[in-house]
Structure formats: C-alpha cells, structure tokens
Amino acid sequence: MIPGCYDSRTAPTPPATHPGKPMSEHIVHVTDASFEEEVLKSRLPVLVDYWAEWCGPCKMIAPILEEVAAEQEGKVRVAKVNVDENPGLATKFNVMSIPTMIVFKDGQEAQRLIGARGKPQLLEDLTPYL
C-alpha cells in the first residue's frame, strides 16, 4: 500500500446511521421513510438540518447542533437529513443549498435558516419555538 492512501481494511468503521435511530445521543437521522413520524408528528418543534458529507459548512455546524440538541432537550428536537441519501426530502421542501435548517412546528414549516451560523445566532433564531 502507498503511504497516505485510503485502505478500507484499516480505516475506522463509520458509525452506523439508521432511520429513526440517533446519530448521537441527542440528534436523530431521518430519511424519506421516517420523516413524517420523526418530524411532522413530533409533539416538540424540530430543527431539521439538511446536510451532506462533502459540505464543509455542514461539518462546521455539526458540533453546534449537538450542543443545542443537548442543552435544549425536551424543548426542541434536532434531526438531520442527508440530502444525497434522501433527495426527495430536499426536493419536497425546496432545499436549494446546504446547510439549510428548517424549524417544523405542529407539522408545518415555521422558519428556514440558510447557511452556517454560530451557536448564539442559532439559539436566537430558535427562541420563539422553545
């Protein structure tokens, strides 16, 4: 093997993500199949992050979303939709660029946030729904 090259035999195994199962302790990964149950029927407001593996800004906000999900547990749910794996959801909700975050309340889109933002701004944007 050439030094520095990817070798699937020695690469770490990525964490499994399954529809409706947590990506982390506080964030749930949703798909076309689980979106209605996990987001639209949620009793709590849901912040849905539309993202992709190749998106740098999406990776930058991931730890912020994890913190917000943990700190606001019981007030808001945080969910993630991989747009490459679930293009139907991106199309259905007219997601034209990522990261896009949509707040759903009572099964309806309540607010759309486009682009990366810091934790203070994100919390300010979420305040009306907490």
Protein backbone atom coordinates (compact mmCIF):
# COMPACT_ATOMS: atom_id res chain seq x y z
CA MET A 1 0.00 0.00 0.00
CA ILE A 2 1.15 3.51 -0.78
CA PRO A 3 1.63 5.63 2.37
CA GLY A 4 -1.20 8.09 2.97
CA CYS A 5 -3.67 6.23 0.72
CA TYR A 6 -7.05 5.09 1.92
CA ASP A 7 -7.23 1.43 2.82
CA SER A 8 -10.68 0.14 3.73
CA ARG A 9 -9.09 -2.72 5.67
CA THR A 10 -7.53 -0.33 8.19
CA ALA A 11 -9.92 2.63 8.02
CA PRO A 12 -12.10 3.19 11.06
CA THR A 13 -15.64 1.98 10.68
CA PRO A 14 -18.03 4.92 10.46
CA PRO A 15 -20.88 4.99 12.93
CA ALA A 16 -24.00 3.34 11.60
CA THR A 17 -26.94 5.57 10.95
CA HIS A 18 -30.34 4.00 10.70
CA PRO A 19 -33.69 5.63 10.00
CA GLY A 20 -35.14 6.97 13.22
CA LYS A 21 -32.10 5.96 15.25
CA PRO A 22 -29.89 8.50 16.95
CA MET A 23 -26.74 9.66 15.14
CA SER A 24 -25.61 10.78 18.53
CA GLU A 25 -27.19 10.82 21.92
CA HIS A 26 -29.30 13.88 21.05
CA ILE A 27 -29.65 14.06 17.25
CA VAL A 28 -31.78 11.74 15.14
CA HIS A 29 -31.07 10.85 11.49
CA VAL A 30 -34.26 10.91 9.44
CA THR A 31 -34.99 9.59 5.98
CA ASP A 32 -37.79 9.76 3.44
CA ALA A 33 -39.39 6.83 5.28
CA SER A 34 -39.10 8.18 8.83
CA PHE A 35 -39.55 11.93 8.23
CA GLU A 36 -43.30 12.07 8.84
CA GLU A 37 -43.13 10.16 12.12
CA GLU A 38 -39.95 11.77 13.46
CA VAL A 39 -40.57 15.36 12.33
CA LEU A 40 -44.10 16.12 11.21
CA LYS A 41 -45.80 14.20 14.03
CA SER A 42 -43.40 15.35 16.76
CA ARG A 43 -45.02 17.00 19.77
CA LEU A 44 -41.91 19.19 20.06
CA PRO A 45 -40.64 21.67 17.48
CA VAL A 46 -37.99 20.03 15.29
CA LEU A 47 -34.93 21.71 13.81
CA VAL A 48 -34.06 19.73 10.69
CA ASP A 49 -30.55 20.15 9.30
CA TYR A 50 -30.28 19.33 5.59
CA TRP A 51 -26.63 18.39 5.01
CA ALA A 52 -24.16 16.25 3.03
CA GLU A 53 -20.82 14.58 3.81
CA TRP A 54 -18.95 16.76 1.29
CA CYS A 55 -20.29 20.06 2.69
CA GLY A 56 -17.65 21.91 4.73
CA PRO A 57 -20.04 24.39 6.39
CA CYS A 58 -22.32 21.44 7.30
CA LYS A 59 -19.42 19.85 9.17
CA MET A 60 -18.66 23.16 10.90
CA ILE A 61 -22.15 23.45 12.38
CA ALA A 62 -22.46 19.78 13.41
CA PRO A 63 -20.91 20.27 16.88
CA ILE A 64 -23.07 23.37 17.42
CA LEU A 65 -26.18 21.37 16.60
CA GLU A 66 -25.06 18.66 19.02
CA GLU A 67 -24.65 21.23 21.81
CA VAL A 68 -28.02 22.85 21.10
CA ALA A 69 -29.73 19.45 20.98
CA ALA A 70 -28.25 18.50 24.36
CA GLU A 71 -28.93 21.84 26.03
CA GLN A 72 -32.48 22.20 24.69
CA GLU A 73 -33.51 18.57 25.20
CA GLY A 74 -37.21 18.39 25.97
CA LYS A 75 -37.84 21.77 24.30
CA VAL A 76 -36.78 21.07 20.71
CA ARG A 77 -35.64 18.04 18.74
CA VAL A 78 -32.73 18.20 16.32
CA ALA A 79 -32.80 15.98 13.25
CA LYS A 80 -30.50 15.61 10.26
CA VAL A 81 -31.36 14.73 6.67
CA ASN A 82 -28.54 13.65 4.36
CA VAL A 83 -29.62 15.20 1.05
CA ASP A 84 -27.52 12.79 -1.01
CA GLU A 85 -29.28 9.80 0.55
CA ASN A 86 -32.74 11.44 0.71
CA PRO A 87 -33.07 13.73 -2.31
CA GLY A 88 -36.86 13.51 -2.15
CA LEU A 89 -36.94 15.44 1.12
CA ALA A 90 -34.66 18.13 -0.26
CA THR A 91 -36.91 18.48 -3.30
CA LYS A 92 -40.15 18.39 -1.30
CA PHE A 93 -39.00 21.24 0.95
CA ASN A 94 -37.23 23.22 -1.81
CA VAL A 95 -33.79 22.94 -0.26
CA MET A 96 -31.58 24.60 -2.88
CA SER A 97 -28.36 24.96 -0.88
CA ILE A 98 -26.84 23.42 2.20
CA PRO A 99 -26.63 23.81 5.03
CA THR A 100 -30.30 24.65 5.28
CA MET A 101 -32.10 24.22 8.58
CA ILE A 102 -35.87 24.24 8.79
CA VAL A 103 -37.84 24.52 12.02
CA PHE A 104 -41.03 22.46 11.94
CA LYS A 105 -43.74 23.17 14.49
CA ASP A 106 -47.02 21.25 14.57
CA GLY A 107 -46.09 19.53 11.30
CA GLN A 108 -45.57 22.78 9.40
CA GLU A 109 -42.51 24.73 8.34
CA ALA A 110 -42.17 27.61 10.79
CA GLN A 111 -38.77 29.06 9.87
CA ARG A 112 -35.99 28.48 7.35
CA LEU A 113 -32.34 29.17 8.15
CA ILE A 114 -29.91 29.10 5.23
CA GLY A 115 -26.18 28.88 5.75
CA ALA A 116 -23.94 28.19 8.71
CA ARG A 117 -24.38 30.23 11.86
CA GLY A 118 -22.84 30.31 15.27
CA LYS A 119 -24.49 29.00 18.39
CA PRO A 120 -25.67 32.41 19.69
CA GLN A 121 -27.41 33.20 16.39
CA LEU A 122 -28.94 29.73 16.16
CA LEU A 123 -30.30 29.97 19.69
CA GLU A 124 -31.72 33.41 18.92
CA ASP A 125 -33.42 32.01 15.81
CA LEU A 126 -34.88 29.11 17.85
CA THR A 127 -36.08 31.20 20.81
CA PRO A 128 -39.64 31.71 19.52
CA TYR A 129 -40.08 27.90 19.36
CA LEU A 130 -38.57 26.93 22.74
